[in-house]
Amino acid sequence: MRTRILQAAAQVIAHSGTERTTIDDFIVAAGVARGTFYNHFESRQALFDELWRSVGRDPFRGIAAAAGLIACPVERFATMSRLVLMRAGMDATWGWLVLALSATAATLNDDLRAYPKPDLREAKLAGGFRYDDEAAATDLVVGTMRSGLRAMLEDGRDATYADGLCRMMLLALGIGEQEASRLSVVPLPELRTGVGP
């Protein structure tokens, strides 16, 4: 029953976002009683956090693992950024879920903020990235990625958009034009698609 509620909630959030959705929307989509919902989730926020943990996080971790095989922190950062955008383009339900939950799920926000930090730090120490404030660099990346996700999903942007957005982030982080152009089109590892707990 818990899985049924999570699957229904993922579809509702992917279609309507989190701002307007209510527990009643999840109950109707799952075809369960209110009491059944509360047997599994104490609140709407608890459902959002569980959705990220059970539906959204595994693909995100898969992306991190694929990019983690790359030794160069700048290339690793570029690859992961492009893979997140590509994944959203291939699996709109996942993309909308990430975008919608990024405004409400504390666990997701922690994961989003954590993803660029190791590469930002390592690349700066190696002389690749140049920035003064790590928090500002992290906010630049996370904010750009959220905007990019929305553009991929709402406007149906293609792979060249992900590459271009990655190039712009690399330039903003201090990478030279030629290297930013090269890194934004390096062949990517293959991704699995599909969403579900």
N, C-alpha and C. Protein backbone atom coordinates (compact mmCIF):
# COMPACT_ATOMS: atom_id res chain seq x y z
N MET A 1 0.82 -1.20 0.00
CA MET A 1 0.00 0.00 0.00
C MET A 1 0.87 1.27 0.00
N ARG A 2 1.95 1.22 0.77
CA ARG A 2 2.87 2.37 0.82
C ARG A 2 3.43 2.67 -0.58
N THR A 3 3.83 1.61 -1.28
CA THR A 3 4.37 1.77 -2.63
C THR A 3 3.32 2.36 -3.56
N ARG A 4 2.10 1.91 -3.42
CA ARG A 4 1.00 2.42 -4.25
C ARG A 4 0.80 3.92 -4.03
N ILE A 5 0.84 4.34 -2.77
CA ILE A 5 0.69 5.77 -2.46
C ILE A 5 1.87 6.57 -3.04
N LEU A 6 3.08 6.03 -2.90
CA LEU A 6 4.26 6.73 -3.42
C LEU A 6 4.20 6.86 -4.94
N GLN A 7 3.80 5.79 -5.62
CA GLN A 7 3.71 5.84 -7.08
C GLN A 7 2.68 6.86 -7.53
N ALA A 8 1.52 6.86 -6.87
CA ALA A 8 0.47 7.82 -7.21
C ALA A 8 0.93 9.24 -6.92
N ALA A 9 1.58 9.45 -5.78
CA ALA A 9 2.05 10.78 -5.41
C ALA A 9 3.10 11.28 -6.40
N ALA A 10 3.99 10.40 -6.85
CA ALA A 10 5.01 10.81 -7.84
C ALA A 10 4.34 11.33 -9.10
N GLN A 11 3.30 10.65 -9.55
CA GLN A 11 2.60 11.09 -10.76
C GLN A 11 1.87 12.42 -10.54
N VAL A 12 1.24 12.55 -9.38
CA VAL A 12 0.52 13.80 -9.07
C VAL A 12 1.49 14.97 -9.02
N ILE A 13 2.60 14.79 -8.32
CA ILE A 13 3.58 15.87 -8.18
C ILE A 13 4.23 16.19 -9.52
N ALA A 14 4.54 15.17 -10.30
CA ALA A 14 5.13 15.40 -11.62
C ALA A 14 4.17 16.18 -12.51
N HIS A 15 2.88 15.95 -12.34
CA HIS A 15 1.89 16.64 -13.16
C HIS A 15 1.52 18.02 -12.62
N SER A 16 1.42 18.16 -11.29
CA SER A 16 0.89 19.39 -10.70
C SER A 16 1.85 20.16 -9.81
N GLY A 17 3.03 19.60 -9.53
CA GLY A 17 3.95 20.27 -8.62
C GLY A 17 3.55 20.02 -7.17
N THR A 18 4.17 20.74 -6.26
CA THR A 18 3.88 20.54 -4.84
C THR A 18 3.03 21.65 -4.25
N GLU A 19 3.04 22.82 -4.86
CA GLU A 19 2.38 23.97 -4.26
C GLU A 19 0.88 23.78 -4.13
N ARG A 20 0.25 23.23 -5.16
CA ARG A 20 -1.20 23.11 -5.16
C ARG A 20 -1.71 21.73 -4.74
N THR A 21 -0.82 20.77 -4.60
CA THR A 21 -1.28 19.42 -4.29
C THR A 21 -1.57 19.27 -2.80
N THR A 22 -2.59 18.49 -2.53
CA THR A 22 -3.00 18.24 -1.15
C THR A 22 -2.97 16.75 -0.88
N ILE A 23 -3.12 16.40 0.36
CA ILE A 23 -3.20 14.99 0.73
C ILE A 23 -4.38 14.35 0.02
N ASP A 24 -5.48 15.09 -0.15
CA ASP A 24 -6.63 14.54 -0.87
C ASP A 24 -6.28 14.15 -2.30
N ASP A 25 -5.42 14.93 -2.96
CA ASP A 25 -4.99 14.57 -4.32
C ASP A 25 -4.27 13.23 -4.33
N PHE A 26 -3.42 13.00 -3.34
CA PHE A 26 -2.69 11.74 -3.26
C PHE A 26 -3.62 10.57 -2.94
N ILE A 27 -4.57 10.81 -2.06
CA ILE A 27 -5.54 9.78 -1.68
C ILE A 27 -6.37 9.36 -2.88
N VAL A 28 -6.87 10.34 -3.62
CA VAL A 28 -7.69 10.05 -4.81
C VAL A 28 -6.86 9.30 -5.85
N ALA A 29 -5.65 9.78 -6.13
CA ALA A 29 -4.80 9.14 -7.16
C ALA A 29 -4.45 7.71 -6.78
N ALA A 30 -4.24 7.46 -5.49
CA ALA A 30 -3.87 6.11 -5.04
C ALA A 30 -5.09 5.23 -4.82
N GLY A 31 -6.28 5.84 -4.73
CA GLY A 31 -7.49 5.08 -4.48
C GLY A 31 -7.51 4.47 -3.08
N VAL A 32 -7.07 5.25 -2.09
CA VAL A 32 -7.03 4.77 -0.71
C VAL A 32 -7.81 5.72 0.19
N ALA A 33 -8.10 5.26 1.39
CA ALA A 33 -8.79 6.09 2.37
C ALA A 33 -7.79 7.00 3.08
N ARG A 34 -8.30 8.08 3.65
CA ARG A 34 -7.45 9.02 4.38
C ARG A 34 -6.69 8.31 5.50
N GLY A 35 -7.36 7.43 6.22
CA GLY A 35 -6.71 6.70 7.30
C GLY A 35 -5.55 5.85 6.80
N THR A 36 -5.71 5.27 5.61
CA THR A 36 -4.64 4.46 5.02
C THR A 36 -3.42 5.33 4.75
N PHE A 37 -3.67 6.53 4.22
CA PHE A 37 -2.56 7.46 3.98
C PHE A 37 -1.80 7.71 5.29
N TYR A 38 -2.55 8.06 6.35
CA TYR A 38 -1.92 8.40 7.62
C TYR A 38 -1.31 7.19 8.33
N ASN A 39 -1.70 5.99 7.95
CA ASN A 39 -1.03 4.80 8.48
C ASN A 39 0.41 4.71 7.97
N HIS A 40 0.66 5.33 6.82
CA HIS A 40 1.98 5.24 6.20
C HIS A 40 2.79 6.53 6.26
N PHE A 41 2.11 7.67 6.32
CA PHE A 41 2.80 8.96 6.32
C PHE A 41 2.13 9.88 7.32
N GLU A 42 2.93 10.50 8.17
CA GLU A 42 2.36 11.36 9.21
C GLU A 42 1.95 12.73 8.67
N SER A 43 2.50 13.11 7.51
CA SER A 43 2.19 14.43 6.95
C SER A 43 2.53 14.46 5.47
N ARG A 44 2.12 15.52 4.82
CA ARG A 44 2.45 15.76 3.42
C ARG A 44 3.98 15.85 3.26
N GLN A 45 4.63 16.57 4.17
CA GLN A 45 6.08 16.72 4.11
C GLN A 45 6.78 15.38 4.25
N ALA A 46 6.27 14.52 5.13
CA ALA A 46 6.86 13.19 5.29
C ALA A 46 6.77 12.40 3.99
N LEU A 47 5.65 12.56 3.28
CA LEU A 47 5.50 11.91 1.97
C LEU A 47 6.52 12.45 0.99
N PHE A 48 6.71 13.79 0.96
CA PHE A 48 7.67 14.39 0.04
C PHE A 48 9.09 13.86 0.30
N ASP A 49 9.46 13.83 1.57
CA ASP A 49 10.80 13.35 1.91
C ASP A 49 10.99 11.89 1.52
N GLU A 50 9.96 11.07 1.74
CA GLU A 50 10.04 9.66 1.38
C GLU A 50 10.07 9.48 -0.14
N LEU A 51 9.33 10.31 -0.85
CA LEU A 51 9.37 10.25 -2.32
C LEU A 51 10.78 10.46 -2.84
N TRP A 52 11.47 11.46 -2.28
CA TRP A 52 12.85 11.70 -2.72
C TRP A 52 13.73 10.51 -2.38
N ARG A 53 13.60 10.01 -1.15
CA ARG A 53 14.45 8.89 -0.73
C ARG A 53 14.19 7.64 -1.57
N SER A 54 12.92 7.37 -1.90
CA SER A 54 12.60 6.10 -2.55
C SER A 54 12.49 6.19 -4.07
N VAL A 55 12.21 7.35 -4.61
CA VAL A 55 12.01 7.48 -6.06
C VAL A 55 13.09 8.33 -6.72
N GLY A 56 13.43 9.43 -6.12
CA GLY A 56 14.33 10.37 -6.77
C GLY A 56 15.79 10.15 -6.50
N ARG A 57 16.13 9.72 -5.32
CA ARG A 57 17.54 9.66 -4.91
C ARG A 57 18.36 8.61 -5.66
N ASP A 58 17.80 7.43 -5.91
CA ASP A 58 18.58 6.38 -6.57
C ASP A 58 19.09 6.79 -7.95
N PRO A 59 18.24 7.35 -8.82
CA PRO A 59 18.79 7.84 -10.09
C PRO A 59 19.85 8.92 -9.90
N PHE A 60 19.63 9.79 -8.91
CA PHE A 60 20.60 10.85 -8.63
C PHE A 60 21.93 10.23 -8.19
N ARG A 61 21.86 9.22 -7.34
CA ARG A 61 23.08 8.53 -6.90
C ARG A 61 23.73 7.76 -8.05
N GLY A 62 22.91 7.20 -8.94
CA GLY A 62 23.46 6.52 -10.12
C GLY A 62 24.24 7.47 -11.01
N ILE A 63 23.72 8.68 -11.14
CA ILE A 63 24.42 9.71 -11.91
C ILE A 63 25.74 10.05 -11.24
N ALA A 64 25.69 10.22 -9.91
CA ALA A 64 26.92 10.54 -9.16
C ALA A 64 27.94 9.41 -9.29
N ALA A 65 27.49 8.16 -9.26
CA ALA A 65 28.41 7.02 -9.38
C ALA A 65 29.04 6.98 -10.77
N ALA A 66 28.24 7.22 -11.81
CA ALA A 66 28.78 7.22 -13.18
C ALA A 66 29.81 8.32 -13.35
N ALA A 67 29.51 9.51 -12.84
CA ALA A 67 30.45 10.63 -12.95
C ALA A 67 31.65 10.42 -12.03
N GLY A 68 31.45 9.71 -10.92
CA GLY A 68 32.51 9.50 -9.94
C GLY A 68 33.69 8.70 -10.46
N LEU A 69 33.53 8.03 -11.58
CA LEU A 69 34.62 7.26 -12.18
C LEU A 69 35.62 8.16 -12.90
N ILE A 70 35.28 9.42 -13.06
CA ILE A 70 36.14 10.38 -13.77
C ILE A 70 37.11 11.01 -12.77
N ALA A 71 38.39 10.98 -13.09
CA ALA A 71 39.43 11.47 -12.16
C ALA A 71 39.46 13.00 -12.05
N CYS A 72 39.31 13.69 -13.15
CA CYS A 72 39.41 15.16 -13.15
C CYS A 72 38.15 15.76 -12.53
N PRO A 73 38.27 16.58 -11.47
CA PRO A 73 37.08 17.12 -10.81
C PRO A 73 36.26 18.06 -11.69
N VAL A 74 36.90 18.79 -12.59
CA VAL A 74 36.16 19.69 -13.47
C VAL A 74 35.34 18.87 -14.46
N GLU A 75 35.95 17.84 -15.05
CA GLU A 75 35.22 16.98 -15.98
C GLU A 75 34.12 16.21 -15.25
N ARG A 76 34.40 15.78 -14.04
CA ARG A 76 33.41 15.05 -13.24
C ARG A 76 32.19 15.95 -12.97
N PHE A 77 32.45 17.19 -12.59
CA PHE A 77 31.39 18.16 -12.35
C PHE A 77 30.56 18.37 -13.62
N ALA A 78 31.24 18.57 -14.74
CA ALA A 78 30.55 18.81 -16.01
C ALA A 78 29.70 17.61 -16.40
N THR A 79 30.25 16.42 -16.23
CA THR A 79 29.54 15.20 -16.59
C THR A 79 28.30 15.03 -15.73
N MET A 80 28.43 15.21 -14.44
CA MET A 80 27.28 15.04 -13.56
C MET A 80 26.20 16.06 -13.87
N SER A 81 26.58 17.29 -14.09
CA SER A 81 25.60 18.34 -14.40
C SER A 81 24.83 18.00 -15.67
N ARG A 82 25.55 17.58 -16.70
CA ARG A 82 24.90 17.22 -17.96
C ARG A 82 24.01 15.99 -17.79
N LEU A 83 24.48 15.02 -17.01
CA LEU A 83 23.69 13.80 -16.81
C LEU A 83 22.37 14.07 -16.09
N VAL A 84 22.38 14.97 -15.12
CA VAL A 84 21.13 15.31 -14.42
C VAL A 84 20.13 15.90 -15.40
N LEU A 85 20.59 16.82 -16.24
CA LEU A 85 19.70 17.44 -17.22
C LEU A 85 19.24 16.42 -18.26
N MET A 86 20.15 15.56 -18.71
CA MET A 86 19.78 14.53 -19.70
C MET A 86 18.76 13.57 -19.11
N ARG A 87 18.97 13.17 -17.85
CA ARG A 87 18.05 12.24 -17.19
C ARG A 87 16.64 12.85 -17.14
N ALA A 88 16.57 14.13 -16.81
CA ALA A 88 15.27 14.80 -16.77
C ALA A 88 14.62 14.81 -18.15
N GLY A 89 15.43 14.98 -19.18
CA GLY A 89 14.90 14.95 -20.54
C GLY A 89 14.40 13.58 -20.95
N MET A 90 15.05 12.52 -20.45
CA MET A 90 14.65 11.14 -20.79
C MET A 90 13.51 10.64 -19.90
N ASP A 91 13.41 11.16 -18.70
CA ASP A 91 12.43 10.69 -17.72
C ASP A 91 11.78 11.91 -17.07
N ALA A 92 10.77 12.44 -17.75
CA ALA A 92 10.15 13.69 -17.30
C ALA A 92 9.53 13.55 -15.91
N THR A 93 9.00 12.38 -15.58
CA THR A 93 8.41 12.21 -14.25
C THR A 93 9.47 12.45 -13.18
N TRP A 94 10.64 11.85 -13.37
CA TRP A 94 11.73 12.06 -12.42
C TRP A 94 12.15 13.54 -12.38
N GLY A 95 12.28 14.14 -13.56
CA GLY A 95 12.69 15.54 -13.63
C GLY A 95 11.71 16.46 -12.91
N TRP A 96 10.42 16.27 -13.17
CA TRP A 96 9.42 17.10 -12.50
C TRP A 96 9.42 16.85 -11.00
N LEU A 97 9.62 15.61 -10.61
CA LEU A 97 9.67 15.27 -9.19
C LEU A 97 10.83 16.00 -8.51
N VAL A 98 12.00 15.95 -9.14
CA VAL A 98 13.17 16.65 -8.58
C VAL A 98 12.90 18.15 -8.49
N LEU A 99 12.37 18.70 -9.55
CA LEU A 99 12.11 20.14 -9.57
C LEU A 99 11.07 20.53 -8.53
N ALA A 100 9.97 19.79 -8.46
CA ALA A 100 8.91 20.12 -7.50
C ALA A 100 9.38 19.93 -6.07
N LEU A 101 10.06 18.83 -5.81
CA LEU A 101 10.49 18.54 -4.44
C LEU A 101 11.63 19.44 -3.99
N SER A 102 12.36 20.02 -4.93
CA SER A 102 13.49 20.87 -4.55
C SER A 102 13.02 22.10 -3.77
N ALA A 103 11.75 22.42 -3.87
CA ALA A 103 11.22 23.55 -3.12
C ALA A 103 10.71 23.15 -1.74
N THR A 104 10.54 21.82 -1.50
CA THR A 104 9.89 21.41 -0.25
C THR A 104 10.60 20.33 0.53
N ALA A 105 11.35 19.47 -0.13
CA ALA A 105 11.93 18.31 0.56
C ALA A 105 13.32 18.66 1.09
N ALA A 106 13.46 18.67 2.40
CA ALA A 106 14.73 19.02 3.02
C ALA A 106 15.84 18.07 2.61
N THR A 107 15.52 16.77 2.52
CA THR A 107 16.51 15.77 2.13
C THR A 107 17.03 16.04 0.73
N LEU A 108 16.13 16.38 -0.19
CA LEU A 108 16.55 16.68 -1.57
C LEU A 108 17.44 17.90 -1.60
N ASN A 109 17.07 18.93 -0.89
CA ASN A 109 17.89 20.14 -0.89
C ASN A 109 19.28 19.86 -0.35
N ASP A 110 19.39 19.03 0.67
CA ASP A 110 20.70 18.65 1.18
C ASP A 110 21.50 17.92 0.11
N ASP A 111 20.84 16.99 -0.61
CA ASP A 111 21.52 16.25 -1.68
C ASP A 111 21.94 17.18 -2.82
N LEU A 112 21.07 18.10 -3.21
CA LEU A 112 21.40 19.02 -4.30
C LEU A 112 22.58 19.92 -3.93
N ARG A 113 22.58 20.39 -2.70
CA ARG A 113 23.68 21.26 -2.28
C ARG A 113 24.97 20.47 -2.10
N ALA A 114 24.86 19.20 -1.76
CA ALA A 114 26.06 18.39 -1.54
C ALA A 114 26.71 17.98 -2.85
N TYR A 115 25.90 17.83 -3.93
CA TYR A 115 26.49 17.27 -5.15
C TYR A 115 27.62 18.10 -5.74
N PRO A 116 27.54 19.44 -5.80
CA PRO A 116 28.67 20.12 -6.44
C PRO A 116 29.85 20.38 -5.52
N LYS A 117 29.63 20.36 -4.20
CA LYS A 117 30.67 20.83 -3.27
C LYS A 117 32.00 20.09 -3.38
N PRO A 118 32.02 18.75 -3.38
CA PRO A 118 33.33 18.08 -3.45
C PRO A 118 34.10 18.44 -4.72
N ASP A 119 33.40 18.48 -5.85
CA ASP A 119 34.08 18.82 -7.11
C ASP A 119 34.48 20.29 -7.15
N LEU A 120 33.63 21.16 -6.60
CA LEU A 120 34.00 22.58 -6.54
C LEU A 120 35.28 22.75 -5.74
N ARG A 121 35.35 22.11 -4.57
CA ARG A 121 36.54 22.23 -3.71
C ARG A 121 37.77 21.64 -4.38
N GLU A 122 37.63 20.41 -4.88
CA GLU A 122 38.79 19.74 -5.47
C GLU A 122 39.30 20.49 -6.70
N ALA A 123 38.37 20.95 -7.53
CA ALA A 123 38.77 21.68 -8.73
C ALA A 123 39.42 23.01 -8.38
N LYS A 124 38.95 23.65 -7.32
CA LYS A 124 39.58 24.92 -6.91
C LYS A 124 41.00 24.66 -6.40
N LEU A 125 41.17 23.63 -5.57
CA LEU A 125 42.50 23.29 -5.06
C LEU A 125 43.47 22.94 -6.18
N ALA A 126 42.95 22.31 -7.24
CA ALA A 126 43.79 21.92 -8.37
C ALA A 126 44.03 23.08 -9.33
N GLY A 127 43.41 24.23 -9.06
CA GLY A 127 43.62 25.40 -9.92
C GLY A 127 42.67 25.47 -11.09
N GLY A 128 41.65 24.61 -11.13
CA GLY A 128 40.71 24.62 -12.26
C GLY A 128 39.61 25.65 -12.08
N PHE A 129 38.88 25.58 -10.97
CA PHE A 129 37.82 26.54 -10.69
C PHE A 129 38.39 27.72 -9.92
N ARG A 130 37.82 28.90 -10.20
CA ARG A 130 38.22 30.10 -9.48
C ARG A 130 36.96 30.80 -8.97
N TYR A 131 36.81 30.80 -7.66
CA TYR A 131 35.70 31.50 -7.02
C TYR A 131 36.15 31.92 -5.63
N ASP A 132 35.52 32.94 -5.08
CA ASP A 132 35.89 33.46 -3.77
C ASP A 132 35.09 32.83 -2.63
N ASP A 133 33.84 32.50 -2.90
CA ASP A 133 32.95 32.06 -1.84
C ASP A 133 32.29 30.73 -2.25
N GLU A 134 32.54 29.69 -1.48
CA GLU A 134 32.00 28.37 -1.82
C GLU A 134 30.48 28.34 -1.79
N ALA A 135 29.88 29.03 -0.82
CA ALA A 135 28.42 29.05 -0.74
C ALA A 135 27.82 29.71 -1.98
N ALA A 136 28.45 30.78 -2.44
CA ALA A 136 27.97 31.47 -3.64
C ALA A 136 28.15 30.58 -4.87
N ALA A 137 29.27 29.88 -4.96
CA ALA A 137 29.50 28.97 -6.09
C ALA A 137 28.47 27.85 -6.08
N THR A 138 28.19 27.30 -4.89
CA THR A 138 27.20 26.23 -4.77
C THR A 138 25.82 26.73 -5.17
N ASP A 139 25.44 27.91 -4.70
CA ASP A 139 24.14 28.48 -5.05
C ASP A 139 24.04 28.75 -6.55
N LEU A 140 25.14 29.20 -7.16
CA LEU A 140 25.16 29.41 -8.61
C LEU A 140 24.84 28.11 -9.34
N VAL A 141 25.50 27.03 -8.93
CA VAL A 141 25.32 25.74 -9.60
C VAL A 141 23.91 25.20 -9.37
N VAL A 142 23.48 25.17 -8.11
CA VAL A 142 22.16 24.60 -7.79
C VAL A 142 21.04 25.42 -8.43
N GLY A 143 21.13 26.74 -8.36
CA GLY A 143 20.12 27.59 -8.98
C GLY A 143 20.08 27.43 -10.50
N THR A 144 21.25 27.35 -11.11
CA THR A 144 21.32 27.15 -12.55
C THR A 144 20.73 25.80 -12.94
N MET A 145 21.03 24.77 -12.16
CA MET A 145 20.51 23.45 -12.46
C MET A 145 18.99 23.40 -12.31
N ARG A 146 18.45 24.06 -11.31
CA ARG A 146 16.98 24.09 -11.15
C ARG A 146 16.34 24.79 -12.36
N SER A 147 16.92 25.91 -12.77
CA SER A 147 16.39 26.63 -13.94
C SER A 147 16.52 25.77 -15.19
N GLY A 148 17.65 25.08 -15.30
CA GLY A 148 17.85 24.20 -16.45
C GLY A 148 16.87 23.05 -16.49
N LEU A 149 16.59 22.47 -15.33
CA LEU A 149 15.59 21.39 -15.27
C LEU A 149 14.24 21.89 -15.75
N ARG A 150 13.86 23.06 -15.27
CA ARG A 150 12.56 23.61 -15.68
C ARG A 150 12.52 23.84 -17.19
N ALA A 151 13.59 24.38 -17.74
CA ALA A 151 13.62 24.63 -19.19
C ALA A 151 13.57 23.32 -19.98
N MET A 152 14.30 22.30 -19.51
CA MET A 152 14.27 20.99 -20.19
C MET A 152 12.86 20.42 -20.19
N LEU A 153 12.16 20.57 -19.08
CA LEU A 153 10.84 19.95 -18.92
C LEU A 153 9.73 20.77 -19.56
N GLU A 154 9.75 22.08 -19.36
CA GLU A 154 8.67 22.91 -19.89
C GLU A 154 8.82 23.21 -21.37
N ASP A 155 10.04 23.46 -21.78
CA ASP A 155 10.27 23.90 -23.15
C ASP A 155 10.80 22.80 -24.06
N GLY A 156 11.04 21.60 -23.49
CA GLY A 156 11.50 20.48 -24.30
C GLY A 156 12.86 20.73 -24.94
N ARG A 157 13.75 21.37 -24.23
CA ARG A 157 15.07 21.65 -24.77
C ARG A 157 15.81 20.33 -25.04
N ASP A 158 16.69 20.33 -26.04
CA ASP A 158 17.39 19.10 -26.40
C ASP A 158 18.76 19.03 -25.71
N ALA A 159 19.53 18.01 -26.08
CA ALA A 159 20.82 17.75 -25.45
C ALA A 159 21.78 18.93 -25.61
N THR A 160 21.66 19.68 -26.69
CA THR A 160 22.57 20.81 -26.88
C THR A 160 22.35 21.88 -25.82
N TYR A 161 21.12 21.95 -25.30
CA TYR A 161 20.84 22.90 -24.22
C TYR A 161 21.62 22.51 -22.97
N ALA A 162 21.60 21.24 -22.61
CA ALA A 162 22.34 20.76 -21.43
C ALA A 162 23.82 21.05 -21.60
N ASP A 163 24.34 20.82 -22.80
CA ASP A 163 25.75 21.09 -23.06
C ASP A 163 26.06 22.58 -22.92
N GLY A 164 25.18 23.41 -23.48
CA GLY A 164 25.39 24.85 -23.42
C GLY A 164 25.30 25.39 -22.00
N LEU A 165 24.36 24.87 -21.23
CA LEU A 165 24.23 25.31 -19.84
C LEU A 165 25.46 24.90 -19.03
N CYS A 166 25.95 23.69 -19.28
CA CYS A 166 27.16 23.22 -18.61
C CYS A 166 28.33 24.14 -18.97
N ARG A 167 28.46 24.47 -20.23
CA ARG A 167 29.55 25.36 -20.68
C ARG A 167 29.49 26.70 -19.96
N MET A 168 28.28 27.25 -19.82
CA MET A 168 28.13 28.54 -19.15
C MET A 168 28.52 28.44 -17.66
N MET A 169 28.16 27.34 -17.01
CA MET A 169 28.57 27.18 -15.61
C MET A 169 30.08 27.07 -15.49
N LEU A 170 30.70 26.32 -16.40
CA LEU A 170 32.16 26.19 -16.36
C LEU A 170 32.84 27.54 -16.56
N LEU A 171 32.33 28.32 -17.49
CA LEU A 171 32.88 29.66 -17.71
C LEU A 171 32.72 30.52 -16.45
N ALA A 172 31.54 30.45 -15.83
CA ALA A 172 31.28 31.24 -14.63
C ALA A 172 32.20 30.83 -13.48
N LEU A 173 32.62 29.57 -13.49
CA LEU A 173 33.51 29.06 -12.43
C LEU A 173 34.99 29.23 -12.76
N GLY A 174 35.27 29.90 -13.88
CA GLY A 174 36.65 30.26 -14.17
C GLY A 174 37.39 29.39 -15.17
N ILE A 175 36.70 28.48 -15.82
CA ILE A 175 37.35 27.63 -16.84
C ILE A 175 37.44 28.43 -18.14
N GLY A 176 38.54 28.30 -18.85
CA GLY A 176 38.72 29.01 -20.12
C GLY A 176 37.74 28.52 -21.18
N GLU A 177 37.53 29.36 -22.18
CA GLU A 177 36.53 29.07 -23.20
C GLU A 177 36.77 27.76 -23.94
N GLN A 178 38.00 27.53 -24.35
CA GLN A 178 38.29 26.32 -25.13
C GLN A 178 38.05 25.06 -24.29
N GLU A 179 38.52 25.07 -23.04
CA GLU A 179 38.34 23.90 -22.18
C GLU A 179 36.87 23.73 -21.80
N ALA A 180 36.16 24.81 -21.55
CA ALA A 180 34.73 24.73 -21.23
C ALA A 180 33.95 24.14 -22.41
N SER A 181 34.31 24.55 -23.61
CA SER A 181 33.66 24.01 -24.81
C SER A 181 33.94 22.52 -24.96
N ARG A 182 35.17 22.12 -24.72
CA ARG A 182 35.53 20.70 -24.83
C ARG A 182 34.80 19.85 -23.80
N LEU A 183 34.83 20.30 -22.54
CA LEU A 183 34.23 19.51 -21.46
C LEU A 183 32.71 19.42 -21.56
N SER A 184 32.09 20.38 -22.21
CA SER A 184 30.63 20.37 -22.30
C SER A 184 30.10 19.45 -23.40
N VAL A 185 30.99 18.81 -24.14
CA VAL A 185 30.54 17.86 -25.17
C VAL A 185 31.24 16.50 -25.08
N VAL A 186 31.97 16.25 -24.00
CA VAL A 186 32.61 14.94 -23.81
C VAL A 186 31.52 13.88 -23.80
N PRO A 187 31.70 12.74 -24.48
CA PRO A 187 30.67 11.69 -24.47
C PRO A 187 30.31 11.27 -23.04
N LEU A 188 29.02 11.07 -22.83
CA LEU A 188 28.52 10.75 -21.49
C LEU A 188 28.30 9.25 -21.33
N PRO A 189 28.40 8.77 -20.07
CA PRO A 189 28.03 7.38 -19.82
C PRO A 189 26.54 7.19 -20.04
N GLU A 190 26.13 5.98 -20.35
CA GLU A 190 24.72 5.68 -20.58
C GLU A 190 23.95 5.67 -19.27
N LEU A 191 22.70 6.11 -19.32
CA LEU A 191 21.86 6.14 -18.13
C LEU A 191 20.68 5.19 -18.29
N ARG A 192 20.28 4.58 -17.17
CA ARG A 192 19.04 3.80 -17.14
C ARG A 192 17.88 4.78 -16.95
N THR A 193 16.72 4.46 -17.50
CA THR A 193 15.55 5.30 -17.27
C THR A 193 14.55 4.52 -16.43
N GLY A 194 13.50 5.23 -16.08
CA GLY A 194 12.44 4.61 -15.28
C GLY A 194 12.38 5.25 -13.92
N VAL A 195 11.20 5.28 -13.38
CA VAL A 195 10.99 5.86 -12.06
C VAL A 195 10.06 4.95 -11.30
N GLY A 196 10.29 4.85 -10.03
CA GLY A 196 9.39 4.07 -9.20
C GLY A 196 10.10 3.57 -7.98
N PRO A 197 9.36 3.41 -6.89
CA PRO A 197 9.98 2.94 -5.66
C PRO A 197 10.32 1.49 -5.73
